[in-house]
């Protein structure tokens, strides 16, 4: 069963940017893509996760599992995001034990969506 890590490409992370300026969400996607997805995880760019005031944002989902949306992320968080995605992928239901989650996933969760 494949896990999808959705990355908002349009997130401005609350910044006022020129139209052609690199978006923090796109920079986060580039950092995640450059590091590479863990086994069982696919990184998918999306146009909007509707977490604009909390961007840059990502979402984790998989068939038959709870889904999560995380925000206030930066490209510097790429390693922790990928570690969290790997832990999520290894679960049966998407519920990673609290202490096994990266700190950013404990503190920056915006939503948990039932299966």
PDB file of N, CA and C in Angstrom:
ATOM      1  N   UNK A   1       0.848  -1.171   0.000  1.00  0.00           N
ATOM      2  CA  UNK A   1       0.000   0.000   0.000  1.00  0.00           C
ATOM      3  C   UNK A   1       0.896   1.238   0.000  1.00  0.00           C
ATOM      4  N   UNK A   2       0.696   2.108  -0.938  1.00  0.00           N
ATOM      5  CA  UNK A   2       1.553   3.273  -1.104  1.00  0.00           C
ATOM      6  C   UNK A   2       1.050   4.483  -0.316  1.00  0.00           C
ATOM      7  N   UNK A   3       1.982   5.171   0.294  1.00  0.00           N
ATOM      8  CA  UNK A   3       1.707   6.410   1.008  1.00  0.00           C
ATOM      9  C   UNK A   3       2.022   7.576   0.098  1.00  0.00           C
ATOM     10  N   UNK A   4       1.155   8.582   0.117  1.00  0.00           N
ATOM     11  CA  UNK A   4       1.394   9.786  -0.674  1.00  0.00           C
ATOM     12  C   UNK A   4       1.710  10.942   0.256  1.00  0.00           C
ATOM     13  N   UNK A   5       2.811  11.623  -0.025  1.00  0.00           N
ATOM     14  CA  UNK A   5       3.185  12.853   0.660  1.00  0.00           C
ATOM     15  C   UNK A   5       2.880  13.987  -0.307  1.00  0.00           C
ATOM     16  N   UNK A   6       1.764  14.675  -0.076  1.00  0.00           N
ATOM     17  CA  UNK A   6       1.354  15.800  -0.915  1.00  0.00           C
ATOM     18  C   UNK A   6       2.083  17.046  -0.418  1.00  0.00           C
ATOM     19  N   UNK A   7       2.645  17.830  -1.320  1.00  0.00           N
ATOM     20  CA  UNK A   7       3.364  19.046  -0.950  1.00  0.00           C
ATOM     21  C   UNK A   7       2.747  20.221  -1.695  1.00  0.00           C
ATOM     22  N   UNK A   8       2.261  21.214  -0.956  1.00  0.00           N
ATOM     23  CA  UNK A   8       1.658  22.390  -1.569  1.00  0.00           C
ATOM     24  C   UNK A   8       2.744  23.220  -2.252  1.00  0.00           C
ATOM     25  N   UNK A   9       2.608  23.390  -3.546  1.00  0.00           N
ATOM     26  CA  UNK A   9       3.600  24.144  -4.323  1.00  0.00           C
ATOM     27  C   UNK A   9       3.331  25.651  -4.305  1.00  0.00           C
ATOM     28  N   UNK A  10       2.114  26.042  -3.965  1.00  0.00           N
ATOM     29  CA  UNK A  10       1.748  27.458  -4.024  1.00  0.00           C
ATOM     30  C   UNK A  10       1.858  28.164  -2.683  1.00  0.00           C
ATOM     31  N   UNK A  11       2.163  27.432  -1.612  1.00  0.00           N
ATOM     32  CA  UNK A  11       2.261  28.034  -0.276  1.00  0.00           C
ATOM     33  C   UNK A  11       3.266  29.182  -0.263  1.00  0.00           C
ATOM     34  N   UNK A  12       2.810  30.296   0.270  1.00  0.00           N
ATOM     35  CA  UNK A  12       3.682  31.465   0.440  1.00  0.00           C
ATOM     36  C   UNK A  12       4.178  31.581   1.878  1.00  0.00           C
ATOM     37  N   UNK A  13       3.672  30.714   2.756  1.00  0.00           N
ATOM     38  CA  UNK A  13       4.065  30.701   4.172  1.00  0.00           C
ATOM     39  C   UNK A  13       3.884  32.067   4.822  1.00  0.00           C
ATOM     40  N   UNK A  14       2.810  32.755   4.452  1.00  0.00           N
ATOM     41  CA  UNK A  14       2.504  34.045   5.040  1.00  0.00           C
ATOM     42  C   UNK A  14       3.357  35.191   4.548  1.00  0.00           C
ATOM     43  N   UNK A  15       4.213  34.936   3.577  1.00  0.00           N
ATOM     44  CA  UNK A  15       5.098  35.977   3.057  1.00  0.00           C
ATOM     45  C   UNK A  15       4.436  36.720   1.904  1.00  0.00           C
ATOM     46  N   UNK A  16       4.750  38.001   1.785  1.00  0.00           N
ATOM     47  CA  UNK A  16       4.330  38.781   0.626  1.00  0.00           C
ATOM     48  C   UNK A  16       5.439  38.626  -0.404  1.00  0.00           C
ATOM     49  N   UNK A  17       5.111  38.013  -1.532  1.00  0.00           N
ATOM     50  CA  UNK A  17       6.118  37.703  -2.543  1.00  0.00           C
ATOM     51  C   UNK A  17       5.736  38.288  -3.893  1.00  0.00           C
ATOM     52  N   UNK A  18       6.738  38.624  -4.666  1.00  0.00           N
ATOM     53  CA  UNK A  18       6.496  39.011  -6.050  1.00  0.00           C
ATOM     54  C   UNK A  18       5.916  37.796  -6.765  1.00  0.00           C
ATOM     55  N   UNK A  19       5.145  38.032  -7.813  1.00  0.00           N
ATOM     56  CA  UNK A  19       4.505  36.925  -8.529  1.00  0.00           C
ATOM     57  C   UNK A  19       5.492  35.861  -8.999  1.00  0.00           C
ATOM     58  N   UNK A  20       6.684  36.264  -9.431  1.00  0.00           N
ATOM     59  CA  UNK A  20       7.646  35.297  -9.974  1.00  0.00           C
ATOM     60  C   UNK A  20       8.668  34.812  -8.946  1.00  0.00           C
ATOM     61  N   UNK A  21       8.502  35.211  -7.680  1.00  0.00           N
ATOM     62  CA  UNK A  21       9.430  34.794  -6.625  1.00  0.00           C
ATOM     63  C   UNK A  21       9.190  33.325  -6.269  1.00  0.00           C
ATOM     64  N   UNK A  22      10.249  32.592  -5.918  1.00  0.00           N
ATOM     65  CA  UNK A  22      10.072  31.191  -5.507  1.00  0.00           C
ATOM     66  C   UNK A  22       9.182  31.103  -4.269  1.00  0.00           C
ATOM     67  N   UNK A  23       8.243  30.215  -4.297  1.00  0.00           N
ATOM     68  CA  UNK A  23       7.330  30.012  -3.174  1.00  0.00           C
ATOM     69  C   UNK A  23       7.984  29.084  -2.151  1.00  0.00           C
ATOM     70  N   UNK A  24       7.800  29.357  -0.853  1.00  0.00           N
ATOM     71  CA  UNK A  24       8.325  28.453   0.168  1.00  0.00           C
ATOM     72  C   UNK A  24       7.845  27.012  -0.029  1.00  0.00           C
ATOM     73  N   UNK A  25       6.614  26.833  -0.477  1.00  0.00           N
ATOM     74  CA  UNK A  25       6.108  25.485  -0.730  1.00  0.00           C
ATOM     75  C   UNK A  25       6.879  24.783  -1.837  1.00  0.00           C
ATOM     76  N   UNK A  26       7.185  25.513  -2.896  1.00  0.00           N
ATOM     77  CA  UNK A  26       7.964  24.945  -4.003  1.00  0.00           C
ATOM     78  C   UNK A  26       9.390  24.637  -3.549  1.00  0.00           C
ATOM     79  N   UNK A  27       9.942  25.488  -2.695  1.00  0.00           N
ATOM     80  CA  UNK A  27      11.281  25.234  -2.164  1.00  0.00           C
ATOM     81  C   UNK A  27      11.284  23.988  -1.275  1.00  0.00           C
ATOM     82  N   UNK A  28      10.220  23.821  -0.493  1.00  0.00           N
ATOM     83  CA  UNK A  28      10.092  22.619   0.338  1.00  0.00           C
ATOM     84  C   UNK A  28       9.994  21.380  -0.547  1.00  0.00           C
ATOM     85  N   UNK A  29       9.189  21.449  -1.589  1.00  0.00           N
ATOM     86  CA  UNK A  29       9.056  20.314  -2.502  1.00  0.00           C
ATOM     87  C   UNK A  29      10.410  19.960  -3.110  1.00  0.00           C
ATOM     88  N   UNK A  30      11.164  20.963  -3.549  1.00  0.00           N
ATOM     89  CA  UNK A  30      12.484  20.720  -4.152  1.00  0.00           C
ATOM     90  C   UNK A  30      13.419  20.039  -3.157  1.00  0.00           C
ATOM     91  N   UNK A  31      13.388  20.470  -1.896  1.00  0.00           N
ATOM     92  CA  UNK A  31      14.253  19.865  -0.874  1.00  0.00           C
ATOM     93  C   UNK A  31      13.845  18.413  -0.608  1.00  0.00           C
ATOM     94  N   UNK A  32      12.557  18.147  -0.552  1.00  0.00           N
ATOM     95  CA  UNK A  32      12.083  16.775  -0.338  1.00  0.00           C
ATOM     96  C   UNK A  32      12.446  15.894  -1.519  1.00  0.00           C
ATOM     97  N   UNK A  33      12.229  16.410  -2.713  1.00  0.00           N
ATOM     98  CA  UNK A  33      12.518  15.658  -3.935  1.00  0.00           C
ATOM     99  C   UNK A  33      14.016  15.369  -4.055  1.00  0.00           C
ATOM    100  N   UNK A  34      14.848  16.340  -3.682  1.00  0.00           N
ATOM    101  CA  UNK A  34      16.303  16.170  -3.778  1.00  0.00           C
ATOM    102  C   UNK A  34      16.797  15.106  -2.795  1.00  0.00           C
ATOM    103  N   UNK A  35      16.167  15.031  -1.637  1.00  0.00           N
ATOM    104  CA  UNK A  35      16.553  14.036  -0.643  1.00  0.00           C
ATOM    105  C   UNK A  35      16.061  12.651  -1.059  1.00  0.00           C
ATOM    106  N   UNK A  36      14.882  12.602  -1.616  1.00  0.00           N
ATOM    107  CA  UNK A  36      14.320  11.335  -2.081  1.00  0.00           C
ATOM    108  C   UNK A  36      13.351  10.736  -1.090  1.00  0.00           C
ATOM    109  N   UNK A  37      12.297  10.174  -1.617  1.00  0.00           N
ATOM    110  CA  UNK A  37      11.250   9.593  -0.783  1.00  0.00           C
ATOM    111  C   UNK A  37      11.699   8.273  -0.173  1.00  0.00           C
ATOM    112  N   UNK A  38      11.294   8.015   1.064  1.00  0.00           N
ATOM    113  CA  UNK A  38      11.583   6.710   1.663  1.00  0.00           C
ATOM    114  C   UNK A  38      10.769   5.622   0.962  1.00  0.00           C
ATOM    115  N   UNK A  39      11.146   4.382   1.179  1.00  0.00           N
ATOM    116  CA  UNK A  39      10.448   3.256   0.564  1.00  0.00           C
ATOM    117  C   UNK A  39       8.966   3.297   0.933  1.00  0.00           C
ATOM    118  N   UNK A  40       8.114   3.110  -0.067  1.00  0.00           N
ATOM    119  CA  UNK A  40       6.673   3.093   0.147  1.00  0.00           C
ATOM    120  C   UNK A  40       6.015   4.449   0.151  1.00  0.00           C
ATOM    121  N   UNK A  41       6.793   5.507  -0.107  1.00  0.00           N
ATOM    122  CA  UNK A  41       6.255   6.873  -0.101  1.00  0.00           C
ATOM    123  C   UNK A  41       6.482   7.512  -1.466  1.00  0.00           C
ATOM    124  N   UNK A  42       5.451   8.178  -1.974  1.00  0.00           N
ATOM    125  CA  UNK A  42       5.545   8.930  -3.217  1.00  0.00           C
ATOM    126  C   UNK A  42       5.316  10.399  -2.902  1.00  0.00           C
ATOM    127  N   UNK A  43       6.220  11.264  -3.371  1.00  0.00           N
ATOM    128  CA  UNK A  43       6.084  12.710  -3.168  1.00  0.00           C
ATOM    129  C   UNK A  43       5.323  13.281  -4.355  1.00  0.00           C
ATOM    130  N   UNK A  44       4.203  13.953  -4.075  1.00  0.00           N
ATOM    131  CA  UNK A  44       3.341  14.481  -5.129  1.00  0.00           C
ATOM    132  C   UNK A  44       3.117  15.979  -4.908  1.00  0.00           C
ATOM    133  N   UNK A  45       3.506  16.813  -5.872  1.00  0.00           N
ATOM    134  CA  UNK A  45       3.222  18.244  -5.753  1.00  0.00           C
ATOM    135  C   UNK A  45       1.744  18.514  -6.019  1.00  0.00           C
ATOM    136  N   UNK A  46       1.155  19.422  -5.249  1.00  0.00           N
ATOM    137  CA  UNK A  46      -0.241  19.828  -5.449  1.00  0.00           C
ATOM    138  C   UNK A  46      -0.308  21.353  -5.470  1.00  0.00           C
ATOM    139  N   UNK A  47      -1.366  21.874  -6.031  1.00  0.00           N
ATOM    140  CA  UNK A  47      -1.491  23.319  -6.183  1.00  0.00           C
ATOM    141  C   UNK A  47      -1.939  24.030  -4.917  1.00  0.00           C
ATOM    142  N   UNK A  48      -2.719  23.386  -4.061  1.00  0.00           N
ATOM    143  CA  UNK A  48      -3.155  24.069  -2.843  1.00  0.00           C
ATOM    144  C   UNK A  48      -3.702  23.058  -1.848  1.00  0.00           C
ATOM    145  N   UNK A  49      -3.331  23.222  -0.590  1.00  0.00           N
ATOM    146  CA  UNK A  49      -3.883  22.398   0.489  1.00  0.00           C
ATOM    147  C   UNK A  49      -4.811  23.227   1.385  1.00  0.00           C
ATOM    148  N   UNK A  50      -5.105  24.464   0.987  1.00  0.00           N
ATOM    149  CA  UNK A  50      -5.974  25.367   1.751  1.00  0.00           C
ATOM    150  C   UNK A  50      -5.498  25.557   3.184  1.00  0.00           C
ATOM    151  N   UNK A  51      -4.195  25.624   3.360  1.00  0.00           N
ATOM    152  CA  UNK A  51      -3.603  25.898   4.671  1.00  0.00           C
ATOM    153  C   UNK A  51      -2.759  27.167   4.563  1.00  0.00           C
ATOM    154  N   UNK A  52      -3.246  28.109   3.778  1.00  0.00           N
ATOM    155  CA  UNK A  52      -2.464  29.291   3.406  1.00  0.00           C
ATOM    156  C   UNK A  52      -1.884  30.054   4.600  1.00  0.00           C
ATOM    157  N   UNK A  53      -2.657  30.206   5.658  1.00  0.00           N
ATOM    158  CA  UNK A  53      -2.141  30.946   6.811  1.00  0.00           C
ATOM    159  C   UNK A  53      -1.171  30.114   7.632  1.00  0.00           C
ATOM    160  N   UNK A  54      -1.054  28.830   7.319  1.00  0.00           N
ATOM    161  CA  UNK A  54      -0.187  27.920   8.060  1.00  0.00           C
ATOM    162  C   UNK A  54       0.877  27.266   7.179  1.00  0.00           C
ATOM    163  N   UNK A  55       1.079  27.793   5.972  1.00  0.00           N
ATOM    164  CA  UNK A  55       2.022  27.177   5.028  1.00  0.00           C
ATOM    165  C   UNK A  55       3.449  27.418   5.439  1.00  0.00           C
ATOM    166  N   UNK A  56       4.357  26.737   4.825  1.00  0.00           N
ATOM    167  CA  UNK A  56       4.198  25.715   3.814  1.00  0.00           C
ATOM    168  C   UNK A  56       3.619  24.451   4.448  1.00  0.00           C
ATOM    169  N   UNK A  57       2.807  23.732   3.648  1.00  0.00           N
ATOM    170  CA  UNK A  57       2.057  22.618   4.183  1.00  0.00           C
ATOM    171  C   UNK A  57       2.269  21.349   3.371  1.00  0.00           C
ATOM    172  N   UNK A  58       2.131  20.220   4.069  1.00  0.00           N
ATOM    173  CA  UNK A  58       2.162  18.901   3.430  1.00  0.00           C
ATOM    174  C   UNK A  58       0.998  18.090   3.991  1.00  0.00           C
ATOM    175  N   UNK A  59       0.628  17.038   3.276  1.00  0.00           N
ATOM    176  CA  UNK A  59      -0.384  16.110   3.761  1.00  0.00           C
ATOM    177  C   UNK A  59       0.101  14.691   3.507  1.00  0.00           C
ATOM    178  N   UNK A  60      -0.212  13.809   4.426  1.00  0.00           N
ATOM    179  CA  UNK A  60       0.097  12.384   4.286  1.00  0.00           C
ATOM    180  C   UNK A  60      -1.203  11.614   4.174  1.00  0.00           C
ATOM    181  N   UNK A  61      -1.275  10.703   3.202  1.00  0.00           N
ATOM    182  CA  UNK A  61      -2.464   9.877   3.063  1.00  0.00           C
ATOM    183  C   UNK A  61      -2.104   8.537   2.445  1.00  0.00           C
ATOM    184  N   UNK A  62      -2.964   7.579   2.703  1.00  0.00           N
ATOM    185  CA  UNK A  62      -2.844   6.244   2.119  1.00  0.00           C
ATOM    186  C   UNK A  62      -4.211   5.583   2.241  1.00  0.00           C
ATOM    187  N   UNK A  63      -4.555   4.695   1.308  1.00  0.00           N
ATOM    188  CA  UNK A  63      -5.837   4.005   1.400  1.00  0.00           C
ATOM    189  C   UNK A  63      -5.973   3.255   2.728  1.00  0.00           C
ATOM    190  N   UNK A  64      -7.118   3.430   3.391  1.00  0.00           N
ATOM    191  CA  UNK A  64      -7.384   2.720   4.632  1.00  0.00           C
ATOM    192  C   UNK A  64      -6.685   3.275   5.857  1.00  0.00           C
ATOM    193  N   UNK A  65      -6.090   4.469   5.728  1.00  0.00           N
ATOM    194  CA  UNK A  65      -5.379   5.073   6.859  1.00  0.00           C
ATOM    195  C   UNK A  65      -5.928   6.468   7.142  1.00  0.00           C
ATOM    196  N   UNK A  66      -5.744   6.903   8.385  1.00  0.00           N
ATOM    197  CA  UNK A  66      -6.005   8.296   8.727  1.00  0.00           C
ATOM    198  C   UNK A  66      -5.082   9.160   7.870  1.00  0.00           C
ATOM    199  N   UNK A  67      -5.529  10.360   7.532  1.00  0.00           N
ATOM    200  CA  UNK A  67      -4.698  11.316   6.800  1.00  0.00           C
ATOM    201  C   UNK A  67      -4.344  12.467   7.739  1.00  0.00           C
ATOM    202  N   UNK A  68      -3.230  13.129   7.445  1.00  0.00           N
ATOM    203  CA  UNK A  68      -2.761  14.243   8.263  1.00  0.00           C
ATOM    204  C   UNK A  68      -2.359  15.410   7.381  1.00  0.00           C
ATOM    205  N   UNK A  69      -2.553  16.630   7.902  1.00  0.00           N
ATOM    206  CA  UNK A  69      -2.055  17.845   7.260  1.00  0.00           C
ATOM    207  C   UNK A  69      -1.140  18.518   8.282  1.00  0.00           C
ATOM    208  N   UNK A  70       0.059  18.886   7.837  1.00  0.00           N
ATOM    209  CA  UNK A  70       1.049  19.550   8.698  1.00  0.00           C
ATOM    210  C   UNK A  70       1.417  20.890   8.075  1.00  0.00           C
ATOM    211  N   UNK A  71       1.663  21.885   8.913  1.00  0.00           N
ATOM    212  CA  UNK A  71       1.993  23.210   8.409  1.00  0.00           C
ATOM    213  C   UNK A  71       3.146  23.856   9.135  1.00  0.00           C
ATOM    214  N   UNK A  72       3.427  25.102   8.720  1.00  0.00           N
ATOM    215  CA  UNK A  72       4.533  25.895   9.257  1.00  0.00           C
ATOM    216  C   UNK A  72       5.860  25.178   9.037  1.00  0.00           C
ATOM    217  N   UNK A  73       6.012  24.611   7.844  1.00  0.00           N
ATOM    218  CA  UNK A  73       7.200  23.836   7.498  1.00  0.00           C
ATOM    219  C   UNK A  73       8.112  24.635   6.574  1.00  0.00           C
ATOM    220  N   UNK A  74       9.403  24.290   6.585  1.00  0.00           N
ATOM    221  CA  UNK A  74      10.374  24.928   5.700  1.00  0.00           C
ATOM    222  C   UNK A  74      11.218  23.844   5.038  1.00  0.00           C
ATOM    223  N   UNK A  75      12.005  24.265   4.073  1.00  0.00           N
ATOM    224  CA  UNK A  75      12.879  23.305   3.389  1.00  0.00           C
ATOM    225  C   UNK A  75      13.871  22.678   4.360  1.00  0.00           C
ATOM    226  N   UNK A  76      14.189  23.357   5.446  1.00  0.00           N
ATOM    227  CA  UNK A  76      15.097  22.808   6.452  1.00  0.00           C
ATOM    228  C   UNK A  76      14.474  21.629   7.202  1.00  0.00           C
ATOM    229  N   UNK A  77      13.161  21.474   7.111  1.00  0.00           N
ATOM    230  CA  UNK A  77      12.459  20.377   7.781  1.00  0.00           C
ATOM    231  C   UNK A  77      12.385  19.113   6.934  1.00  0.00           C
ATOM    232  N   UNK A  78      12.983  19.104   5.756  1.00  0.00           N
ATOM    233  CA  UNK A  78      12.825  17.992   4.807  1.00  0.00           C
ATOM    234  C   UNK A  78      13.162  16.639   5.439  1.00  0.00           C
ATOM    235  N   UNK A  79      14.261  16.525   6.141  1.00  0.00           N
ATOM    236  CA  UNK A  79      14.659  15.235   6.717  1.00  0.00           C
ATOM    237  C   UNK A  79      13.633  14.743   7.738  1.00  0.00           C
ATOM    238  N   UNK A  80      13.127  15.638   8.590  1.00  0.00           N
ATOM    239  CA  UNK A  80      12.122  15.252   9.578  1.00  0.00           C
ATOM    240  C   UNK A  80      10.803  14.870   8.915  1.00  0.00           C
ATOM    241  N   UNK A  81      10.427  15.595   7.867  1.00  0.00           N
ATOM    242  CA  UNK A  81       9.191  15.271   7.138  1.00  0.00           C
ATOM    243  C   UNK A  81       9.300  13.874   6.537  1.00  0.00           C
ATOM    244  N   UNK A  82      10.419  13.574   5.921  1.00  0.00           N
ATOM    245  CA  UNK A  82      10.606  12.260   5.299  1.00  0.00           C
ATOM    246  C   UNK A  82      10.666  11.147   6.345  1.00  0.00           C
ATOM    247  N   UNK A  83      11.259  11.424   7.499  1.00  0.00           N
ATOM    248  CA  UNK A  83      11.266  10.434   8.589  1.00  0.00           C
ATOM    249  C   UNK A  83       9.843  10.179   9.081  1.00  0.00           C
ATOM    250  N   UNK A  84       9.064  11.238   9.205  1.00  0.00           N
ATOM    251  CA  UNK A  84       7.672  11.092   9.617  1.00  0.00           C
ATOM    252  C   UNK A  84       6.845  10.346   8.584  1.00  0.00           C
ATOM    253  N   UNK A  85       7.108  10.615   7.309  1.00  0.00           N
ATOM    254  CA  UNK A  85       6.398   9.909   6.232  1.00  0.00           C
ATOM    255  C   UNK A  85       6.732   8.420   6.255  1.00  0.00           C
ATOM    256  N   UNK A  86       7.992   8.083   6.517  1.00  0.00           N
ATOM    257  CA  UNK A  86       8.394   6.674   6.597  1.00  0.00           C
ATOM    258  C   UNK A  86       7.702   5.983   7.768  1.00  0.00           C
ATOM    259  N   UNK A  87       7.626   6.658   8.914  1.00  0.00           N
ATOM    260  CA  UNK A  87       6.951   6.082  10.082  1.00  0.00           C
ATOM    261  C   UNK A  87       5.468   5.880   9.792  1.00  0.00           C
ATOM    262  N   UNK A  88       4.845   6.845   9.136  1.00  0.00           N
ATOM    263  CA  UNK A  88       3.434   6.746   8.747  1.00  0.00           C
ATOM    264  C   UNK A  88       3.240   5.568   7.795  1.00  0.00           C
ATOM    265  N   UNK A  89       4.096   5.444   6.809  1.00  0.00           N
ATOM    266  CA  UNK A  89       3.981   4.369   5.820  1.00  0.00           C
ATOM    267  C   UNK A  89       4.076   2.993   6.472  1.00  0.00           C
ATOM    268  N   UNK A  90       4.819   2.898   7.561  1.00  0.00           N
ATOM    269  CA  UNK A  90       5.022   1.607   8.238  1.00  0.00           C
ATOM    270  C   UNK A  90       3.845   1.188   9.108  1.00  0.00           C
ATOM    271  N   UNK A  91       2.853   2.064   9.288  1.00  0.00           N
ATOM    272  CA  UNK A  91       1.709   1.728  10.135  1.00  0.00           C
ATOM    273  C   UNK A  91       0.597   1.066   9.333  1.00  0.00           C
ATOM    274  N   UNK A  92      -0.279   0.374  10.054  1.00  0.00           N
ATOM    275  CA  UNK A  92      -1.450  -0.246   9.430  1.00  0.00           C
ATOM    276  C   UNK A  92      -2.577   0.760   9.220  1.00  0.00           C
ATOM    277  N   UNK A  93      -2.675   1.737  10.149  1.00  0.00           N
ATOM    278  CA  UNK A  93      -3.822   2.642  10.139  1.00  0.00           C
ATOM    279  C   UNK A  93      -3.449   4.123  10.052  1.00  0.00           C
ATOM    280  N   UNK A  94      -2.149   4.435   9.958  1.00  0.00           N
ATOM    281  CA  UNK A  94      -1.708   5.827   9.887  1.00  0.00           C
ATOM    282  C   UNK A  94      -1.448   6.461  11.238  1.00  0.00           C
ATOM    283  N   UNK A  95      -1.686   5.739  12.309  1.00  0.00           N
ATOM    284  CA  UNK A  95      -1.496   6.288  13.651  1.00  0.00           C
ATOM    285  C   UNK A  95      -0.117   5.909  14.182  1.00  0.00           C
ATOM    286  N   UNK A  96       0.814   6.841  14.054  1.00  0.00           N
ATOM    287  CA  UNK A  96       2.172   6.643  14.562  1.00  0.00           C
ATOM    288  C   UNK A  96       2.159   7.001  16.048  1.00  0.00           C
ATOM    289  N   UNK A  97       2.683   6.139  16.923  1.00  0.00           N
ATOM    290  CA  UNK A  97       2.734   6.491  18.342  1.00  0.00           C
ATOM    291  C   UNK A  97       3.393   7.865  18.551  1.00  0.00           C
ATOM    292  N   UNK A  98       2.821   8.630  19.483  1.00  0.00           N
ATOM    293  CA  UNK A  98       3.223  10.021  19.717  1.00  0.00           C
ATOM    294  C   UNK A  98       4.734  10.194  19.818  1.00  0.00           C
ATOM    295  N   UNK A  99       5.399   9.420  20.636  1.00  0.00           N
ATOM    296  CA  UNK A  99       6.834   9.593  20.865  1.00  0.00           C
ATOM    297  C   UNK A  99       7.691   9.161  19.679  1.00  0.00           C
ATOM    298  N   UNK A 100       7.110   8.456  18.741  1.00  0.00           N
ATOM    299  CA  UNK A 100       7.852   8.022  17.561  1.00  0.00           C
ATOM    300  C   UNK A 100       7.729   9.011  16.403  1.00  0.00           C
ATOM    301  N   UNK A 101       6.921  10.049  16.575  1.00  0.00           N
ATOM    302  CA  UNK A 101       6.754  11.065  15.537  1.00  0.00           C
ATOM    303  C   UNK A 101       7.865  12.104  15.655  1.00  0.00           C
ATOM    304  N   UNK A 102       8.326  12.648  14.517  1.00  0.00           N
ATOM    305  CA  UNK A 102       9.252  13.779  14.605  1.00  0.00           C
ATOM    306  C   UNK A 102       8.563  14.930  15.354  1.00  0.00           C
ATOM    307  N   UNK A 103       9.337  15.739  16.046  1.00  0.00           N
ATOM    308  CA  UNK A 103       8.785  16.850  16.832  1.00  0.00           C
ATOM    309  C   UNK A 103       7.898  17.745  15.972  1.00  0.00           C
ATOM    310  N   UNK A 104       8.303  18.022  14.734  1.00  0.00           N
ATOM    311  CA  UNK A 104       7.468  18.896  13.897  1.00  0.00           C
ATOM    312  C   UNK A 104       6.103  18.279  13.632  1.00  0.00           C
ATOM    313  N   UNK A 105       6.003  16.956  13.592  1.00  0.00           N
ATOM    314  CA  UNK A 105       4.712  16.313  13.387  1.00  0.00           C
ATOM    315  C   UNK A 105       3.886  16.328  14.674  1.00  0.00           C
ATOM    316  N   UNK A 106       4.528  16.366  15.823  1.00  0.00           N
ATOM    317  CA  UNK A 106       3.797  16.465  17.088  1.00  0.00           C
ATOM    318  C   UNK A 106       3.244  17.873  17.286  1.00  0.00           C
ATOM    319  N   UNK A 107       4.024  18.870  16.906  1.00  0.00           N
ATOM    320  CA  UNK A 107       3.686  20.263  17.221  1.00  0.00           C
ATOM    321  C   UNK A 107       3.035  21.039  16.070  1.00  0.00           C
ATOM    322  N   UNK A 108       3.134  20.525  14.850  1.00  0.00           N
ATOM    323  CA  UNK A 108       2.670  21.328  13.723  1.00  0.00           C
ATOM    324  C   UNK A 108       1.586  20.632  12.903  1.00  0.00           C
ATOM    325  N   UNK A 109       0.845  19.762  13.566  1.00  0.00           N
ATOM    326  CA  UNK A 109      -0.278  19.089  12.911  1.00  0.00           C
ATOM    327  C   UNK A 109      -1.436  20.079  12.814  1.00  0.00           C
ATOM    328  N   UNK A 110      -1.990  20.208  11.615  1.00  0.00           N
ATOM    329  CA  UNK A 110      -3.126  21.099  11.412  1.00  0.00           C
ATOM    330  C   UNK A 110      -4.448  20.329  11.413  1.00  0.00           C
ATOM    331  N   UNK A 111      -4.413  19.094  10.947  1.00  0.00           N
ATOM    332  CA  UNK A 111      -5.636  18.293  10.873  1.00  0.00           C
ATOM    333  C   UNK A 111      -5.315  16.814  10.809  1.00  0.00           C
ATOM    334  N   UNK A 112      -6.208  16.025  11.409  1.00  0.00           N
ATOM    335  CA  UNK A 112      -6.175  14.571  11.269  1.00  0.00           C
ATOM    336  C   UNK A 112      -7.536  14.201  10.704  1.00  0.00           C
ATOM    337  N   UNK A 113      -7.531  13.528   9.578  1.00  0.00           N
ATOM    338  CA  UNK A 113      -8.764  13.251   8.837  1.00  0.00           C
ATOM    339  C   UNK A 113      -9.057  11.764   8.926  1.00  0.00           C
ATOM    340  N   UNK A 114     -10.248  11.395   9.398  1.00  0.00           N
ATOM    341  CA  UNK A 114     -10.581   9.975   9.553  1.00  0.00           C
ATOM    342  C   UNK A 114     -10.560   9.229   8.228  1.00  0.00           C
ATOM    343  N   UNK A 115     -10.351   7.921   8.327  1.00  0.00           N
ATOM    344  CA  UNK A 115     -10.362   7.100   7.123  1.00  0.00           C
ATOM    345  C   UNK A 115     -11.760   6.916   6.605  1.00  0.00           C
TER     346      UNK A 115
END
